[in-house]
Amino acid sequence: MEVGRDFRKLDAATQAELRRVAVGMVAADKTRIEAAAAVGVNRRFVGEWVADVVRSGEAALAGGRGVGSVRARGGKAVSAMMLGEVATGSAG
């Protein structure tokens, strides 16, 4: 799906909401590729956002540049980690 907008030019609130949408899609067992297509970014960014949430909680999606990488963990493993944290309330 081709999205006709530049994510970088969106206001901060819109970017944060699209990050939440993408991370939510991954948590709901969609692939990073599907989530990336839905919000108009490269799948690499979705992976970084998911890792940021796992590491720092939902507040990590508010803005700024993400740090780190999910290369060591597959998308399904990150999803499982996220779901486990949500279920136990241990996020952040």
N, C-alpha and C. Protein backbone atom coordinates (compact mmCIF):
# COMPACT_ATOMS: atom_id res chain seq x y z
N MET A 1 0.84 -1.18 0.00
CA MET A 1 0.00 0.00 0.00
C MET A 1 0.89 1.24 0.00
N GLU A 2 0.76 2.06 -0.97
CA GLU A 2 1.55 3.28 -1.07
C GLU A 2 0.83 4.42 -0.36
N VAL A 3 1.48 5.03 0.62
CA VAL A 3 0.91 6.15 1.35
C VAL A 3 1.55 7.41 0.80
N GLY A 4 0.74 8.37 0.39
CA GLY A 4 1.27 9.57 -0.25
C GLY A 4 1.60 10.69 0.71
N ARG A 5 2.38 10.40 1.75
CA ARG A 5 2.78 11.45 2.68
C ARG A 5 4.18 11.13 3.20
N ASP A 6 4.84 12.17 3.64
CA ASP A 6 6.16 12.01 4.24
C ASP A 6 5.99 12.03 5.76
N PHE A 7 6.22 10.91 6.40
CA PHE A 7 6.03 10.77 7.84
C PHE A 7 6.77 11.87 8.59
N ARG A 8 7.96 12.21 8.12
CA ARG A 8 8.79 13.21 8.81
C ARG A 8 8.16 14.59 8.83
N LYS A 9 7.28 14.86 7.89
CA LYS A 9 6.67 16.19 7.81
C LYS A 9 5.36 16.30 8.59
N LEU A 10 4.91 15.21 9.18
CA LEU A 10 3.70 15.23 9.99
C LEU A 10 3.99 15.86 11.34
N ASP A 11 2.96 16.44 11.97
CA ASP A 11 3.18 17.04 13.28
C ASP A 11 3.45 15.92 14.31
N ALA A 12 4.03 16.30 15.43
CA ALA A 12 4.48 15.34 16.43
C ALA A 12 3.34 14.47 16.97
N ALA A 13 2.18 15.05 17.17
CA ALA A 13 1.04 14.29 17.70
C ALA A 13 0.59 13.22 16.70
N THR A 14 0.58 13.55 15.43
CA THR A 14 0.18 12.58 14.40
C THR A 14 1.22 11.47 14.30
N GLN A 15 2.49 11.83 14.34
CA GLN A 15 3.54 10.82 14.32
C GLN A 15 3.41 9.86 15.50
N ALA A 16 3.17 10.41 16.68
CA ALA A 16 3.04 9.57 17.88
C ALA A 16 1.86 8.62 17.74
N GLU A 17 0.74 9.10 17.22
CA GLU A 17 -0.43 8.23 17.05
C GLU A 17 -0.16 7.14 16.03
N LEU A 18 0.52 7.47 14.94
CA LEU A 18 0.85 6.45 13.94
C LEU A 18 1.82 5.42 14.51
N ARG A 19 2.74 5.85 15.38
CA ARG A 19 3.63 4.90 16.04
C ARG A 19 2.82 3.94 16.90
N ARG A 20 1.85 4.49 17.65
CA ARG A 20 1.00 3.64 18.49
C ARG A 20 0.21 2.64 17.65
N VAL A 21 -0.30 3.10 16.52
CA VAL A 21 -1.05 2.21 15.63
C VAL A 21 -0.17 1.07 15.15
N ALA A 22 1.03 1.40 14.69
CA ALA A 22 1.94 0.38 14.16
C ALA A 22 2.33 -0.63 15.24
N VAL A 23 2.66 -0.16 16.43
CA VAL A 23 3.05 -1.06 17.52
C VAL A 23 1.86 -1.92 17.92
N GLY A 24 0.69 -1.34 17.94
CA GLY A 24 -0.51 -2.11 18.26
C GLY A 24 -0.78 -3.20 17.25
N MET A 25 -0.52 -2.91 15.98
CA MET A 25 -0.70 -3.93 14.94
C MET A 25 0.25 -5.10 15.16
N VAL A 26 1.51 -4.80 15.50
CA VAL A 26 2.48 -5.87 15.75
C VAL A 26 2.05 -6.69 16.96
N ALA A 27 1.56 -6.02 17.99
CA ALA A 27 1.09 -6.73 19.18
C ALA A 27 -0.12 -7.61 18.86
N ALA A 28 -0.87 -7.24 17.82
CA ALA A 28 -2.05 -8.01 17.39
C ALA A 28 -1.68 -9.04 16.32
N ASP A 29 -0.41 -9.41 16.27
CA ASP A 29 0.10 -10.46 15.37
C ASP A 29 0.16 -10.09 13.90
N LYS A 30 0.16 -8.81 13.57
CA LYS A 30 0.45 -8.39 12.20
C LYS A 30 1.97 -8.34 12.07
N THR A 31 2.46 -8.42 10.86
CA THR A 31 3.91 -8.33 10.66
C THR A 31 4.34 -6.87 10.68
N ARG A 32 5.64 -6.69 10.89
CA ARG A 32 6.18 -5.32 10.83
C ARG A 32 5.98 -4.74 9.44
N ILE A 33 6.02 -5.57 8.44
CA ILE A 33 5.81 -5.11 7.06
C ILE A 33 4.39 -4.59 6.89
N GLU A 34 3.41 -5.33 7.41
CA GLU A 34 2.02 -4.90 7.31
C GLU A 34 1.80 -3.60 8.08
N ALA A 35 2.35 -3.52 9.28
CA ALA A 35 2.20 -2.31 10.09
C ALA A 35 2.87 -1.11 9.42
N ALA A 36 4.04 -1.34 8.85
CA ALA A 36 4.75 -0.26 8.17
C ALA A 36 3.96 0.25 6.97
N ALA A 37 3.38 -0.65 6.21
CA ALA A 37 2.59 -0.25 5.05
C ALA A 37 1.37 0.56 5.49
N ALA A 38 0.78 0.19 6.60
CA ALA A 38 -0.42 0.88 7.08
C ALA A 38 -0.14 2.32 7.49
N VAL A 39 1.04 2.58 8.05
CA VAL A 39 1.34 3.93 8.52
C VAL A 39 2.29 4.69 7.61
N GLY A 40 2.82 4.03 6.58
CA GLY A 40 3.62 4.72 5.59
C GLY A 40 5.08 4.90 5.92
N VAL A 41 5.67 3.90 6.58
CA VAL A 41 7.10 3.96 6.91
C VAL A 41 7.77 2.66 6.51
N ASN A 42 9.08 2.59 6.65
CA ASN A 42 9.84 1.37 6.42
C ASN A 42 9.68 0.45 7.61
N ARG A 43 9.69 -0.86 7.38
CA ARG A 43 9.50 -1.82 8.46
C ARG A 43 10.56 -1.70 9.55
N ARG A 44 11.72 -1.20 9.19
CA ARG A 44 12.79 -1.03 10.18
C ARG A 44 12.35 -0.09 11.31
N PHE A 45 11.62 0.96 10.95
CA PHE A 45 11.16 1.90 11.97
C PHE A 45 10.15 1.25 12.90
N VAL A 46 9.28 0.43 12.35
CA VAL A 46 8.30 -0.27 13.19
C VAL A 46 9.03 -1.15 14.19
N GLY A 47 10.05 -1.86 13.74
CA GLY A 47 10.84 -2.69 14.64
C GLY A 47 11.49 -1.89 15.75
N GLU A 48 11.98 -0.71 15.42
CA GLU A 48 12.60 0.15 16.42
C GLU A 48 11.56 0.63 17.43
N TRP A 49 10.38 1.00 16.95
CA TRP A 49 9.33 1.46 17.86
C TRP A 49 8.89 0.35 18.80
N VAL A 50 8.76 -0.86 18.28
CA VAL A 50 8.37 -1.99 19.12
C VAL A 50 9.43 -2.22 20.20
N ALA A 51 10.68 -2.20 19.81
CA ALA A 51 11.77 -2.39 20.77
C ALA A 51 11.77 -1.27 21.81
N ASP A 52 11.50 -0.05 21.39
CA ASP A 52 11.44 1.08 22.33
C ASP A 52 10.36 0.86 23.37
N VAL A 53 9.19 0.37 22.93
CA VAL A 53 8.09 0.11 23.86
C VAL A 53 8.46 -1.00 24.84
N VAL A 54 9.09 -2.04 24.34
CA VAL A 54 9.52 -3.14 25.20
C VAL A 54 10.51 -2.63 26.24
N ARG A 55 11.41 -1.78 25.81
CA ARG A 55 12.47 -1.28 26.68
C ARG A 55 11.99 -0.19 27.63
N SER A 56 11.15 0.74 27.13
CA SER A 56 10.84 1.94 27.89
C SER A 56 9.36 2.19 28.14
N GLY A 57 8.50 1.35 27.61
CA GLY A 57 7.07 1.55 27.79
C GLY A 57 6.47 2.44 26.72
N GLU A 58 5.17 2.62 26.84
CA GLU A 58 4.38 3.36 25.85
C GLU A 58 4.86 4.81 25.66
N ALA A 59 5.42 5.41 26.69
CA ALA A 59 5.89 6.79 26.60
C ALA A 59 6.97 6.96 25.54
N ALA A 60 7.64 5.88 25.17
CA ALA A 60 8.70 5.94 24.16
C ALA A 60 8.15 6.35 22.80
N LEU A 61 6.85 6.20 22.60
CA LEU A 61 6.26 6.51 21.30
C LEU A 61 5.91 7.98 21.14
N ALA A 62 6.05 8.76 22.19
CA ALA A 62 5.64 10.15 22.17
C ALA A 62 6.43 10.99 21.18
N GLY A 63 7.68 10.66 20.96
CA GLY A 63 8.46 11.44 20.01
C GLY A 63 9.94 11.26 20.22
N GLY A 64 10.69 11.94 19.41
CA GLY A 64 12.13 11.82 19.47
C GLY A 64 12.61 10.61 18.71
N ARG A 65 13.89 10.47 18.60
CA ARG A 65 14.46 9.34 17.86
C ARG A 65 14.55 8.13 18.77
N GLY A 66 14.20 6.99 18.20
CA GLY A 66 14.34 5.73 18.93
C GLY A 66 15.79 5.29 18.92
N VAL A 67 16.15 4.48 19.87
CA VAL A 67 17.50 3.95 19.91
C VAL A 67 17.44 2.44 19.99
N GLY A 68 18.46 1.79 19.58
CA GLY A 68 18.53 0.35 19.69
C GLY A 68 18.06 -0.35 18.45
N SER A 69 18.01 -1.66 18.55
CA SER A 69 17.65 -2.47 17.40
C SER A 69 16.97 -3.74 17.86
N VAL A 70 16.15 -4.30 16.99
CA VAL A 70 15.51 -5.58 17.29
C VAL A 70 16.13 -6.70 16.48
N ARG A 71 17.33 -6.50 15.99
CA ARG A 71 17.99 -7.53 15.18
C ARG A 71 18.15 -8.83 15.96
N ALA A 72 18.43 -8.71 17.25
CA ALA A 72 18.67 -9.91 18.05
C ALA A 72 17.38 -10.66 18.35
N ARG A 73 16.22 -9.98 18.18
CA ARG A 73 14.94 -10.62 18.47
C ARG A 73 14.05 -10.53 17.25
N GLY A 74 13.34 -11.57 16.95
CA GLY A 74 12.38 -11.56 15.85
C GLY A 74 11.13 -10.81 16.26
N GLY A 75 10.32 -10.42 15.29
CA GLY A 75 9.08 -9.70 15.56
C GLY A 75 8.14 -10.47 16.46
N LYS A 76 8.03 -11.78 16.28
CA LYS A 76 7.13 -12.58 17.11
C LYS A 76 7.62 -12.60 18.55
N ALA A 77 8.93 -12.67 18.76
CA ALA A 77 9.46 -12.67 20.12
C ALA A 77 9.17 -11.34 20.81
N VAL A 78 9.31 -10.25 20.08
CA VAL A 78 9.02 -8.93 20.63
C VAL A 78 7.54 -8.83 20.96
N SER A 79 6.68 -9.33 20.07
CA SER A 79 5.25 -9.32 20.32
C SER A 79 4.93 -10.09 21.60
N ALA A 80 5.54 -11.23 21.75
CA ALA A 80 5.31 -12.05 22.94
C ALA A 80 5.77 -11.31 24.19
N MET A 81 6.91 -10.62 24.10
CA MET A 81 7.40 -9.85 25.23
C MET A 81 6.43 -8.74 25.59
N MET A 82 5.92 -8.04 24.55
CA MET A 82 4.98 -6.95 24.78
C MET A 82 3.71 -7.48 25.44
N LEU A 83 3.18 -8.57 24.91
CA LEU A 83 1.95 -9.12 25.45
C LEU A 83 2.15 -9.59 26.88
N GLY A 84 3.30 -10.16 27.17
CA GLY A 84 3.60 -10.59 28.54
C GLY A 84 3.67 -9.43 29.49
N GLU A 85 4.27 -8.34 29.06
CA GLU A 85 4.37 -7.15 29.90
C GLU A 85 3.00 -6.53 30.13
N VAL A 86 2.16 -6.52 29.12
CA VAL A 86 0.83 -5.97 29.25
C VAL A 86 0.04 -6.82 30.24
N ALA A 87 0.16 -8.13 30.11
CA ALA A 87 -0.59 -9.05 30.97
C ALA A 87 -0.14 -8.95 32.43
N THR A 88 1.15 -8.75 32.65
CA THR A 88 1.65 -8.71 34.02
C THR A 88 1.76 -7.30 34.57
N GLY A 89 1.59 -6.31 33.70
CA GLY A 89 1.69 -4.91 34.14
C GLY A 89 3.11 -4.49 34.44
N SER A 90 4.09 -5.16 33.83
CA SER A 90 5.49 -4.86 34.15
C SER A 90 6.16 -3.97 33.11
N ALA A 91 5.40 -3.37 32.19
CA ALA A 91 6.01 -2.53 31.16
C ALA A 91 6.60 -1.28 31.78
N GLY A 92 7.74 -0.85 31.20
CA GLY A 92 8.32 0.43 31.56
C GLY A 92 9.28 0.34 32.64
